[in-house]
C-alpha atoms as a PDB file:
ATOM      1  CA  MET A   1     -22.828  52.672  92.696  1.00  0.00           C
ATOM      2  CA  ALA A   2     -23.147  49.640  94.905  1.00  0.00           C
ATOM      3  CA  GLU A   3     -21.443  49.597  98.254  1.00  0.00           C
ATOM      4  CA  THR A   4     -17.664  49.623  98.147  1.00  0.00           C
ATOM      5  CA  SER A   5     -15.996  46.257  98.462  1.00  0.00           C
ATOM      6  CA  ALA A   6     -12.563  44.795  98.006  1.00  0.00           C
ATOM      7  CA  SER A   7     -13.396  44.078  94.361  1.00  0.00           C
ATOM      8  CA  SER A   8     -14.339  47.688  93.554  1.00  0.00           C
ATOM      9  CA  PRO A   9     -12.040  49.499  91.182  1.00  0.00           C
ATOM     10  CA  GLN A  10      -9.297  51.645  92.578  1.00  0.00           C
ATOM     11  CA  THR A  11      -9.920  55.168  91.409  1.00  0.00           C
ATOM     12  CA  SER A  12      -7.660  58.142  91.557  1.00  0.00           C
ATOM     13  CA  SER A  13      -8.913  61.690  91.711  1.00  0.00           C
ATOM     14  CA  SER A  14      -6.857  62.788  88.707  1.00  0.00           C
ATOM     15  CA  ASN A  15      -7.980  59.804  86.591  1.00  0.00           C
ATOM     16  CA  THR A  16      -4.294  59.020  85.990  1.00  0.00           C
ATOM     17  CA  PRO A  17      -3.117  55.604  87.118  1.00  0.00           C
ATOM     18  CA  ALA A  18      -0.241  55.464  89.547  1.00  0.00           C
ATOM     19  CA  ARG A  19       2.762  53.486  88.413  1.00  0.00           C
ATOM     20  CA  THR A  20       3.029  50.322  90.436  1.00  0.00           C
ATOM     21  CA  GLY A  21       6.375  48.978  89.311  1.00  0.00           C
ATOM     22  CA  ASP A  22       4.631  45.633  88.768  1.00  0.00           C
ATOM     23  CA  SER A  23       5.831  44.020  85.549  1.00  0.00           C
ATOM     24  CA  SER A  24       2.369  42.485  85.081  1.00  0.00           C
ATOM     25  CA  ALA A  25       0.697  45.900  85.203  1.00  0.00           C
ATOM     26  CA  GLY A  26      -1.708  45.072  82.390  1.00  0.00           C
ATOM     27  CA  PRO A  27      -2.512  46.390  78.951  1.00  0.00           C
ATOM     28  CA  LEU A  28      -2.785  50.047  80.000  1.00  0.00           C
ATOM     29  CA  GLU A  29       0.740  50.390  81.369  1.00  0.00           C
ATOM     30  CA  SER A  30       4.032  49.506  79.713  1.00  0.00           C
ATOM     31  CA  GLU A  31       7.642  50.585  79.770  1.00  0.00           C
ATOM     32  CA  ARG A  32       6.767  53.019  76.942  1.00  0.00           C
ATOM     33  CA  GLY A  33       4.016  54.815  78.848  1.00  0.00           C
ATOM     34  CA  VAL A  34       0.635  54.746  80.532  1.00  0.00           C
ATOM     35  CA  THR A  35      -2.759  54.876  78.847  1.00  0.00           C
ATOM     36  CA  THR A  36      -5.654  56.432  80.727  1.00  0.00           C
ATOM     37  CA  ILE A  37      -9.271  56.026  79.694  1.00  0.00           C
ATOM     38  CA  ALA A  38     -11.827  58.634  80.711  1.00  0.00           C
ATOM     39  CA  ASP A  39     -15.078  57.637  82.387  1.00  0.00           C
ATOM     40  CA  ALA A  40     -16.964  59.204  79.462  1.00  0.00           C
ATOM     41  CA  VAL A  41     -15.292  56.821  77.007  1.00  0.00           C
ATOM     42  CA  VAL A  42     -16.256  53.754  79.035  1.00  0.00           C
ATOM     43  CA  SER A  43     -19.763  55.191  79.459  1.00  0.00           C
ATOM     44  CA  LYS A  44     -20.147  55.658  75.706  1.00  0.00           C
ATOM     45  CA  VAL A  45     -18.961  52.118  74.936  1.00  0.00           C
ATOM     46  CA  ALA A  46     -21.350  50.722  77.570  1.00  0.00           C
ATOM     47  CA  GLY A  47     -24.284  52.702  76.204  1.00  0.00           C
ATOM     48  CA  ILE A  48     -23.716  51.548  72.642  1.00  0.00           C
ATOM     49  CA  ALA A  49     -23.181  47.932  73.744  1.00  0.00           C
ATOM     50  CA  ALA A  50     -26.371  47.928  75.831  1.00  0.00           C
ATOM     51  CA  ARG A  51     -28.415  49.277  72.907  1.00  0.00           C
ATOM     52  CA  GLU A  52     -27.093  46.458  70.685  1.00  0.00           C
ATOM     53  CA  VAL A  53     -28.995  43.899  72.776  1.00  0.00           C
ATOM     54  CA  ALA A  54     -32.400  42.753  71.516  1.00  0.00           C
ATOM     55  CA  GLY A  55     -35.147  43.786  73.924  1.00  0.00           C
ATOM     56  CA  VAL A  56     -33.464  46.988  75.089  1.00  0.00           C
ATOM     57  CA  HIS A  57     -35.543  49.918  73.902  1.00  0.00           C
ATOM     58  CA  ALA A  58     -33.561  52.744  75.525  1.00  0.00           C
ATOM     59  CA  LEU A  59     -31.267  53.749  78.352  1.00  0.00           C
ATOM     60  CA  GLY A  60     -32.337  55.942  81.261  1.00  0.00           C
ATOM     61  CA  GLY A  61     -35.750  57.022  82.469  1.00  0.00           C
ATOM     62  CA  ASN A  62     -38.197  59.329  80.731  1.00  0.00           C
ATOM     63  CA  VAL A  63     -36.729  62.496  82.231  1.00  0.00           C
ATOM     64  CA  GLY A  64     -33.165  61.247  81.858  1.00  0.00           C
ATOM     65  CA  ARG A  65     -33.717  60.375  78.204  1.00  0.00           C
ATOM     66  CA  ALA A  66     -35.208  63.789  77.476  1.00  0.00           C
ATOM     67  CA  LEU A  67     -32.377  65.649  79.208  1.00  0.00           C
ATOM     68  CA  GLY A  68     -29.754  63.379  77.673  1.00  0.00           C
ATOM     69  CA  ALA A  69     -31.091  63.930  74.158  1.00  0.00           C
ATOM     70  CA  MET A  70     -31.127  67.688  74.675  1.00  0.00           C
ATOM     71  CA  THR A  71     -27.607  67.901  76.125  1.00  0.00           C
ATOM     72  CA  GLN A  72     -26.159  65.561  73.498  1.00  0.00           C
ATOM     73  CA  ARG A  73     -27.544  67.829  70.747  1.00  0.00           C
ATOM     74  CA  VAL A  74     -25.510  70.731  72.111  1.00  0.00           C
ATOM     75  CA  GLY A  75     -22.464  68.524  72.640  1.00  0.00           C
ATOM     76  CA  ILE A  76     -22.251  68.496  76.438  1.00  0.00           C
ATOM     77  CA  GLY A  77     -24.069  65.318  77.382  1.00  0.00           C
ATOM     78  CA  GLY A  78     -22.877  61.868  78.212  1.00  0.00           C
ATOM     79  CA  ASP A  79     -24.879  58.688  77.949  1.00  0.00           C
ATOM     80  CA  SER A  80     -28.060  58.984  79.983  1.00  0.00           C
ATOM     81  CA  GLY A  81     -28.663  55.820  81.973  1.00  0.00           C
ATOM     82  CA  VAL A  82     -24.988  54.876  82.293  1.00  0.00           C
ATOM     83  CA  SER A  83     -22.852  55.549  85.333  1.00  0.00           C
ATOM     84  CA  VAL A  84     -19.272  54.298  85.466  1.00  0.00           C
ATOM     85  CA  GLU A  85     -16.452  54.195  87.945  1.00  0.00           C
ATOM     86  CA  VAL A  86     -13.104  53.622  86.250  1.00  0.00           C
ATOM     87  CA  GLY A  87     -10.015  52.619  88.173  1.00  0.00           C
ATOM     88  CA  GLU A  88      -6.478  51.816  87.082  1.00  0.00           C
ATOM     89  CA  ARG A  89      -7.331  48.385  85.686  1.00  0.00           C
ATOM     90  CA  GLU A  90     -11.000  47.858  86.509  1.00  0.00           C
ATOM     91  CA  ALA A  91     -14.391  49.433  85.970  1.00  0.00           C
ATOM     92  CA  ALA A  92     -17.814  49.095  87.576  1.00  0.00           C
ATOM     93  CA  LEU A  93     -21.026  50.187  85.889  1.00  0.00           C
ATOM     94  CA  ASP A  94     -24.631  51.028  86.714  1.00  0.00           C
ATOM     95  CA  LEU A  95     -27.097  50.941  83.823  1.00  0.00           C
ATOM     96  CA  VAL A  96     -30.725  52.053  83.739  1.00  0.00           C
ATOM     97  CA  ILE A  97     -32.636  50.479  80.868  1.00  0.00           C
ATOM     98  CA  VAL A  98     -36.101  50.405  79.339  1.00  0.00           C
ATOM     99  CA  VAL A  99     -37.096  46.912  78.203  1.00  0.00           C
ATOM    100  CA  GLU A 100     -39.531  46.186  75.406  1.00  0.00           C
ATOM    101  CA  TYR A 101     -42.811  44.687  76.615  1.00  0.00           C
ATOM    102  CA  GLY A 102     -42.965  40.912  76.189  1.00  0.00           C
ATOM    103  CA  GLU A 103     -39.223  40.365  76.599  1.00  0.00           C
ATOM    104  CA  SER A 104     -37.794  38.325  79.466  1.00  0.00           C
ATOM    105  CA  ILE A 105     -36.242  40.924  81.764  1.00  0.00           C
ATOM    106  CA  PRO A 106     -33.734  38.467  83.320  1.00  0.00           C
ATOM    107  CA  ARG A 107     -32.644  37.314  79.850  1.00  0.00           C
ATOM    108  CA  VAL A 108     -32.289  40.869  78.538  1.00  0.00           C
ATOM    109  CA  ALA A 109     -30.337  41.940  81.643  1.00  0.00           C
ATOM    110  CA  ASN A 110     -27.995  38.951  81.331  1.00  0.00           C
ATOM    111  CA  ASN A 111     -27.433  39.641  77.619  1.00  0.00           C
ATOM    112  CA  VAL A 112     -26.730  43.307  78.384  1.00  0.00           C
ATOM    113  CA  ARG A 113     -24.152  42.329  81.029  1.00  0.00           C
ATOM    114  CA  GLU A 114     -22.418  39.923  78.653  1.00  0.00           C
ATOM    115  CA  ASN A 115     -22.305  42.347  75.709  1.00  0.00           C
ATOM    116  CA  VAL A 116     -21.237  45.367  77.763  1.00  0.00           C
ATOM    117  CA  GLN A 117     -18.477  43.371  79.462  1.00  0.00           C
ATOM    118  CA  LYS A 118     -17.248  41.922  76.151  1.00  0.00           C
ATOM    119  CA  ARG A 119     -17.174  45.336  74.438  1.00  0.00           C
ATOM    120  CA  ILE A 120     -15.514  47.268  77.278  1.00  0.00           C
ATOM    121  CA  GLU A 121     -12.903  44.624  78.013  1.00  0.00           C
ATOM    122  CA  GLY A 122     -12.173  44.199  74.294  1.00  0.00           C
ATOM    123  CA  MET A 123     -11.912  47.911  73.527  1.00  0.00           C
ATOM    124  CA  THR A 124     -10.260  49.220  76.686  1.00  0.00           C
ATOM    125  CA  GLY A 125      -8.455  46.331  78.357  1.00  0.00           C
ATOM    126  CA  LEU A 126     -10.228  47.178  81.630  1.00  0.00           C
ATOM    127  CA  GLN A 127     -11.629  44.325  83.697  1.00  0.00           C
ATOM    128  CA  ILE A 128     -15.288  44.699  84.655  1.00  0.00           C
ATOM    129  CA  THR A 129     -15.937  44.074  88.340  1.00  0.00           C
ATOM    130  CA  GLU A 130     -19.706  44.543  88.261  1.00  0.00           C
ATOM    131  CA  ILE A 131     -22.561  45.676  86.075  1.00  0.00           C
ATOM    132  CA  ASN A 132     -25.670  46.654  87.998  1.00  0.00           C
ATOM    133  CA  ILE A 133     -28.826  46.980  85.920  1.00  0.00           C
ATOM    134  CA  ALA A 134     -32.029  48.759  86.907  1.00  0.00           C
ATOM    135  CA  VAL A 135     -35.073  48.289  84.678  1.00  0.00           C
ATOM    136  CA  ASN A 136     -37.164  51.383  85.269  1.00  0.00           C
ATOM    137  CA  ASP A 137     -39.745  51.172  82.483  1.00  0.00           C
ATOM    138  CA  LEU A 138     -41.322  48.986  79.836  1.00  0.00           C
ATOM    139  CA  TYR A 139     -41.754  50.110  76.267  1.00  0.00           C
ATOM    140  CA  PHE A 140     -45.036  49.332  74.546  1.00  0.00           C
ATOM    141  CA  PRO A 141     -45.253  49.660  70.761  1.00  0.00           C
ATOM    142  CA  GLY A 142     -46.917  52.961  69.972  1.00  0.00           C
ATOM    143  CA  ASP A 143     -45.707  54.663  73.166  1.00  0.00           C
ATOM    144  CA  ASP A 144     -43.609  57.155  71.262  1.00  0.00           C
ATOM    145  CA  THR A 145     -46.153  58.095  68.606  1.00  0.00           C
ATOM    146  CA  GLU A 146     -47.617  61.463  69.361  1.00  0.00           C
ATOM    147  CA  GLU A 147     -51.258  62.199  68.731  1.00  0.00           C
ATOM    148  CA  GLU A 148     -51.755  64.769  66.024  1.00  0.00           C
ATOM    149  CA  PRO A 149     -53.257  67.988  67.335  1.00  0.00           C
ATOM    150  CA  ALA A 150     -56.747  68.815  66.210  1.00  0.00           C
ATOM    151  CA  PRO A 151     -56.772  71.311  63.342  1.00  0.00           C
ATOM    152  CA  THR A 152     -57.487  74.856  64.387  1.00  0.00           C
ATOM    153  CA  ARG A 153     -60.348  76.673  62.742  1.00  0.00           C
ATOM    154  CA  LEU A 154     -60.048  80.187  61.539  1.00  0.00           C
ATOM    155  CA  GLN A 155     -63.095  82.330  62.239  1.00  0.00           C
END
């Protein structure tokens, strides 16, 4: 995450928000109870929202994508390329993306920020304090097609 500032989300070690007694506590706290949202939920929403943006080929780096695909198959993985810090009312995110060659990286990054913020705020009620994006690779068409191995000859 980026350096801690006054606008960073307030996190608690138990991931359960403390009751503030403030009547304007927000959409996650009411007189009928408190709603907590796990980091993994916010991470999943962010990953899906980032992939919805034209020009984003994938999240994470080559190694991260490979490990993420393997761990997700066995049901233990989160979204590779997404790191979140969820507080009581706010969240901050770091995303690592692969952009398709020929796309404007600043435009893609801006569209990712807008879509991720819209989706997370709409689905969770959390306010987004920052979305940091690292572009760590470019995707070229044909990059993911594997060469066929030469046929083996029987002697």
